[in-house]
Amino acid sequence: MIRQRLAQVHCLAEASRLTTMRAKANADAGKTPGSESSVGYMAGVRSARLTRDLALDIMGISGLLLGHDSPDQGRVALMAITTPCHGIMGGSEQIQKNIVGERILGLPREPAVDRDVPFRDLLVGTQRREKT
């Protein structure tokens, strides 16, 4: 199982590398960016999560230890702690999925009933409209 998961992480990394090369080639040719950036972002998030889970499974409970005297100087624990931020920074993963769905797959946009409403007039959380 570990070998299969290692192969999965390797294949995803290689596919991401090739996608990045294709995006760079398009940019060098003066073409507008396509889906490569969104796909690359989502692949990076998935790769980080798969790598984290695999590393923790290989290291076992010692993978949760931090400090210089811990196995691998605590790098696995640090990776486990910081991996969730990859789905948030650089545009959330859900936004990237919407971009791929709309621009590449041709799916309709999500309904936005507040599209033409000024930000100051939006209802947030538990605010209620005053009855006039």
C-alpha atoms as a PDB file:
ATOM      1  CA  MET A   1       0.000   0.000   0.000  1.00  0.00           C
ATOM      2  CA  ILE A   2       2.828   2.410   0.823  1.00  0.00           C
ATOM      3  CA  ARG A   3       4.476   1.793  -2.569  1.00  0.00           C
ATOM      4  CA  GLN A   4       1.196   2.438  -4.363  1.00  0.00           C
ATOM      5  CA  ARG A   5       0.706   5.683  -2.474  1.00  0.00           C
ATOM      6  CA  LEU A   6       4.303   6.733  -3.182  1.00  0.00           C
ATOM      7  CA  ALA A   7       3.677   6.081  -6.873  1.00  0.00           C
ATOM      8  CA  GLN A   8       0.471   8.131  -6.703  1.00  0.00           C
ATOM      9  CA  VAL A   9       2.313  11.094  -5.157  1.00  0.00           C
ATOM     10  CA  HIS A  10       5.093  10.777  -7.747  1.00  0.00           C
ATOM     11  CA  CYS A  11       2.642  10.626 -10.671  1.00  0.00           C
ATOM     12  CA  LEU A  12       0.761  13.677  -9.416  1.00  0.00           C
ATOM     13  CA  ALA A  13       4.028  15.593  -8.992  1.00  0.00           C
ATOM     14  CA  GLU A  14       5.122  14.667 -12.514  1.00  0.00           C
ATOM     15  CA  ALA A  15       1.761  15.672 -13.996  1.00  0.00           C
ATOM     16  CA  SER A  16       1.996  18.988 -12.140  1.00  0.00           C
ATOM     17  CA  ARG A  17       5.515  19.547 -13.458  1.00  0.00           C
ATOM     18  CA  LEU A  18       4.393  18.931 -17.027  1.00  0.00           C
ATOM     19  CA  THR A  19       1.376  21.228 -16.598  1.00  0.00           C
ATOM     20  CA  THR A  20       3.686  23.957 -15.306  1.00  0.00           C
ATOM     21  CA  MET A  21       5.965  23.477 -18.309  1.00  0.00           C
ATOM     22  CA  ARG A  22       2.972  23.775 -20.655  1.00  0.00           C
ATOM     23  CA  ALA A  23       1.855  26.988 -18.921  1.00  0.00           C
ATOM     24  CA  LYS A  24       5.368  28.427 -19.213  1.00  0.00           C
ATOM     25  CA  ALA A  25       5.571  27.481 -22.897  1.00  0.00           C
ATOM     26  CA  ASN A  26       2.220  29.193 -23.544  1.00  0.00           C
ATOM     27  CA  ALA A  27       3.370  32.300 -21.679  1.00  0.00           C
ATOM     28  CA  ASP A  28       6.639  32.358 -23.628  1.00  0.00           C
ATOM     29  CA  ALA A  29       4.638  32.106 -26.850  1.00  0.00           C
ATOM     30  CA  GLY A  30       2.568  35.129 -25.808  1.00  0.00           C
ATOM     31  CA  LYS A  31      -0.640  33.182 -25.304  1.00  0.00           C
ATOM     32  CA  THR A  32      -3.094  34.160 -22.589  1.00  0.00           C
ATOM     33  CA  PRO A  33      -3.100  31.956 -19.510  1.00  0.00           C
ATOM     34  CA  GLY A  34      -5.477  29.039 -19.732  1.00  0.00           C
ATOM     35  CA  SER A  35      -6.617  26.480 -17.254  1.00  0.00           C
ATOM     36  CA  GLU A  36      -3.077  25.461 -16.312  1.00  0.00           C
ATOM     37  CA  SER A  37      -2.830  27.778 -13.327  1.00  0.00           C
ATOM     38  CA  SER A  38      -6.091  26.582 -11.750  1.00  0.00           C
ATOM     39  CA  VAL A  39      -5.332  22.939 -12.467  1.00  0.00           C
ATOM     40  CA  GLY A  40      -1.789  23.374 -11.145  1.00  0.00           C
ATOM     41  CA  TYR A  41      -3.040  25.022  -7.977  1.00  0.00           C
ATOM     42  CA  MET A  42      -5.523  22.225  -7.283  1.00  0.00           C
ATOM     43  CA  ALA A  43      -2.891  19.584  -8.037  1.00  0.00           C
ATOM     44  CA  GLY A  44      -0.515  21.271  -5.600  1.00  0.00           C
ATOM     45  CA  VAL A  45      -3.130  21.240  -2.850  1.00  0.00           C
ATOM     46  CA  ARG A  46      -3.901  17.576  -3.499  1.00  0.00           C
ATOM     47  CA  SER A  47      -0.207  16.711  -3.631  1.00  0.00           C
ATOM     48  CA  ALA A  48       0.434  18.441  -0.303  1.00  0.00           C
ATOM     49  CA  ARG A  49      -2.412  16.536   1.366  1.00  0.00           C
ATOM     50  CA  LEU A  50      -1.385  13.170  -0.080  1.00  0.00           C
ATOM     51  CA  THR A  51       2.247  13.735   0.914  1.00  0.00           C
ATOM     52  CA  ARG A  52       1.257  14.751   4.436  1.00  0.00           C
ATOM     53  CA  ASP A  53      -0.980  11.712   4.920  1.00  0.00           C
ATOM     54  CA  LEU A  54       1.614   9.346   3.503  1.00  0.00           C
ATOM     55  CA  ALA A  55       4.443  10.786   5.595  1.00  0.00           C
ATOM     56  CA  LEU A  56       2.393  10.527   8.771  1.00  0.00           C
ATOM     57  CA  ASP A  57       1.443   6.926   7.968  1.00  0.00           C
ATOM     58  CA  ILE A  58       5.079   6.021   7.360  1.00  0.00           C
ATOM     59  CA  MET A  59       6.378   7.792  10.489  1.00  0.00           C
ATOM     60  CA  GLY A  60       3.532   6.718  12.735  1.00  0.00           C
ATOM     61  CA  ILE A  61       2.970   8.563  15.986  1.00  0.00           C
ATOM     62  CA  SER A  62       6.566   9.847  15.980  1.00  0.00           C
ATOM     63  CA  GLY A  63       5.654  11.952  12.948  1.00  0.00           C
ATOM     64  CA  LEU A  64       3.737  14.249  15.287  1.00  0.00           C
ATOM     65  CA  LEU A  65       6.809  15.212  17.319  1.00  0.00           C
ATOM     66  CA  LEU A  66       8.398  18.632  16.902  1.00  0.00           C
ATOM     67  CA  GLY A  67      11.889  19.718  17.832  1.00  0.00           C
ATOM     68  CA  HIS A  68      15.486  19.050  16.884  1.00  0.00           C
ATOM     69  CA  ASP A  69      15.612  15.740  18.762  1.00  0.00           C
ATOM     70  CA  SER A  70      12.513  14.354  17.044  1.00  0.00           C
ATOM     71  CA  PRO A  71      12.680  12.159  13.935  1.00  0.00           C
ATOM     72  CA  ASP A  72      13.647  14.219  10.887  1.00  0.00           C
ATOM     73  CA  GLN A  73      13.886  17.284  13.175  1.00  0.00           C
ATOM     74  CA  GLY A  74      10.097  17.568  13.228  1.00  0.00           C
ATOM     75  CA  ARG A  75       9.714  18.330   9.510  1.00  0.00           C
ATOM     76  CA  VAL A  76       6.826  15.877   9.116  1.00  0.00           C
ATOM     77  CA  ALA A  77       4.943  17.405  12.042  1.00  0.00           C
ATOM     78  CA  LEU A  78       5.521  20.888  10.640  1.00  0.00           C
ATOM     79  CA  MET A  79       4.235  19.743   7.255  1.00  0.00           C
ATOM     80  CA  ALA A  80       1.173  18.196   8.923  1.00  0.00           C
ATOM     81  CA  ILE A  81       0.423  21.456  10.716  1.00  0.00           C
ATOM     82  CA  THR A  82       0.891  23.746   7.711  1.00  0.00           C
ATOM     83  CA  THR A  83      -0.718  21.647   4.955  1.00  0.00           C
ATOM     84  CA  PRO A  84      -4.288  22.940   5.526  1.00  0.00           C
ATOM     85  CA  CYS A  85      -3.216  26.461   4.519  1.00  0.00           C
ATOM     86  CA  HIS A  86      -2.453  25.284   0.959  1.00  0.00           C
ATOM     87  CA  GLY A  87      -6.171  25.036   0.159  1.00  0.00           C
ATOM     88  CA  ILE A  88      -6.699  28.625   1.301  1.00  0.00           C
ATOM     89  CA  MET A  89      -3.783  30.723   0.107  1.00  0.00           C
ATOM     90  CA  GLY A  90      -3.500  31.802  -3.502  1.00  0.00           C
ATOM     91  CA  GLY A  91      -7.240  31.678  -4.088  1.00  0.00           C
ATOM     92  CA  SER A  92      -9.234  29.090  -2.280  1.00  0.00           C
ATOM     93  CA  GLU A  93      -9.504  25.637  -3.725  1.00  0.00           C
ATOM     94  CA  GLN A  94     -13.268  26.040  -4.115  1.00  0.00           C
ATOM     95  CA  ILE A  95     -12.817  29.191  -6.211  1.00  0.00           C
ATOM     96  CA  GLN A  96     -10.339  27.373  -8.445  1.00  0.00           C
ATOM     97  CA  LYS A  97     -12.843  24.543  -8.867  1.00  0.00           C
ATOM     98  CA  ASN A  98     -15.501  27.078  -9.872  1.00  0.00           C
ATOM     99  CA  ILE A  99     -13.112  28.575 -12.422  1.00  0.00           C
ATOM    100  CA  VAL A 100     -12.388  25.158 -13.937  1.00  0.00           C
ATOM    101  CA  GLY A 101     -16.084  24.277 -13.973  1.00  0.00           C
ATOM    102  CA  GLU A 102     -17.163  27.508 -15.644  1.00  0.00           C
ATOM    103  CA  ARG A 103     -14.276  28.213 -18.022  1.00  0.00           C
ATOM    104  CA  ILE A 104     -13.176  24.725 -19.008  1.00  0.00           C
ATOM    105  CA  LEU A 105     -16.158  22.456 -18.519  1.00  0.00           C
ATOM    106  CA  GLY A 106     -18.676  25.110 -19.587  1.00  0.00           C
ATOM    107  CA  LEU A 107     -20.872  24.746 -16.517  1.00  0.00           C
ATOM    108  CA  PRO A 108     -23.219  27.637 -15.677  1.00  0.00           C
ATOM    109  CA  ARG A 109     -22.178  30.214 -13.097  1.00  0.00           C
ATOM    110  CA  GLU A 110     -23.521  29.865  -9.605  1.00  0.00           C
ATOM    111  CA  PRO A 111     -26.545  32.094  -8.977  1.00  0.00           C
ATOM    112  CA  ALA A 112     -25.612  35.429  -7.436  1.00  0.00           C
ATOM    113  CA  VAL A 113     -28.726  37.256  -6.284  1.00  0.00           C
ATOM    114  CA  ASP A 114     -26.595  39.985  -4.680  1.00  0.00           C
ATOM    115  CA  ARG A 115     -24.459  40.697  -7.743  1.00  0.00           C
ATOM    116  CA  ASP A 116     -25.683  44.265  -8.273  1.00  0.00           C
ATOM    117  CA  VAL A 117     -26.084  45.130  -4.568  1.00  0.00           C
ATOM    118  CA  PRO A 118     -23.486  47.513  -3.056  1.00  0.00           C
ATOM    119  CA  PHE A 119     -21.304  45.851  -0.428  1.00  0.00           C
ATOM    120  CA  ARG A 120     -22.600  48.147   2.321  1.00  0.00           C
ATOM    121  CA  ASP A 121     -26.157  46.916   1.645  1.00  0.00           C
ATOM    122  CA  LEU A 122     -25.379  43.205   1.833  1.00  0.00           C
ATOM    123  CA  LEU A 123     -26.898  41.268   4.697  1.00  0.00           C
ATOM    124  CA  VAL A 124     -24.154  39.498   6.616  1.00  0.00           C
ATOM    125  CA  GLY A 125     -24.560  36.786   9.229  1.00  0.00           C
ATOM    126  CA  THR A 126     -27.589  37.425  11.417  1.00  0.00           C
ATOM    127  CA  GLN A 127     -28.408  40.953  10.239  1.00  0.00           C
ATOM    128  CA  ARG A 128     -32.032  41.545   9.419  1.00  0.00           C
ATOM    129  CA  ARG A 129     -33.617  44.076   7.154  1.00  0.00           C
ATOM    130  CA  GLU A 130     -35.438  46.803   8.956  1.00  0.00           C
ATOM    131  CA  LYS A 131     -39.093  46.949   8.029  1.00  0.00           C
ATOM    132  CA  THR A 132     -40.046  50.282   6.540  1.00  0.00           C
END
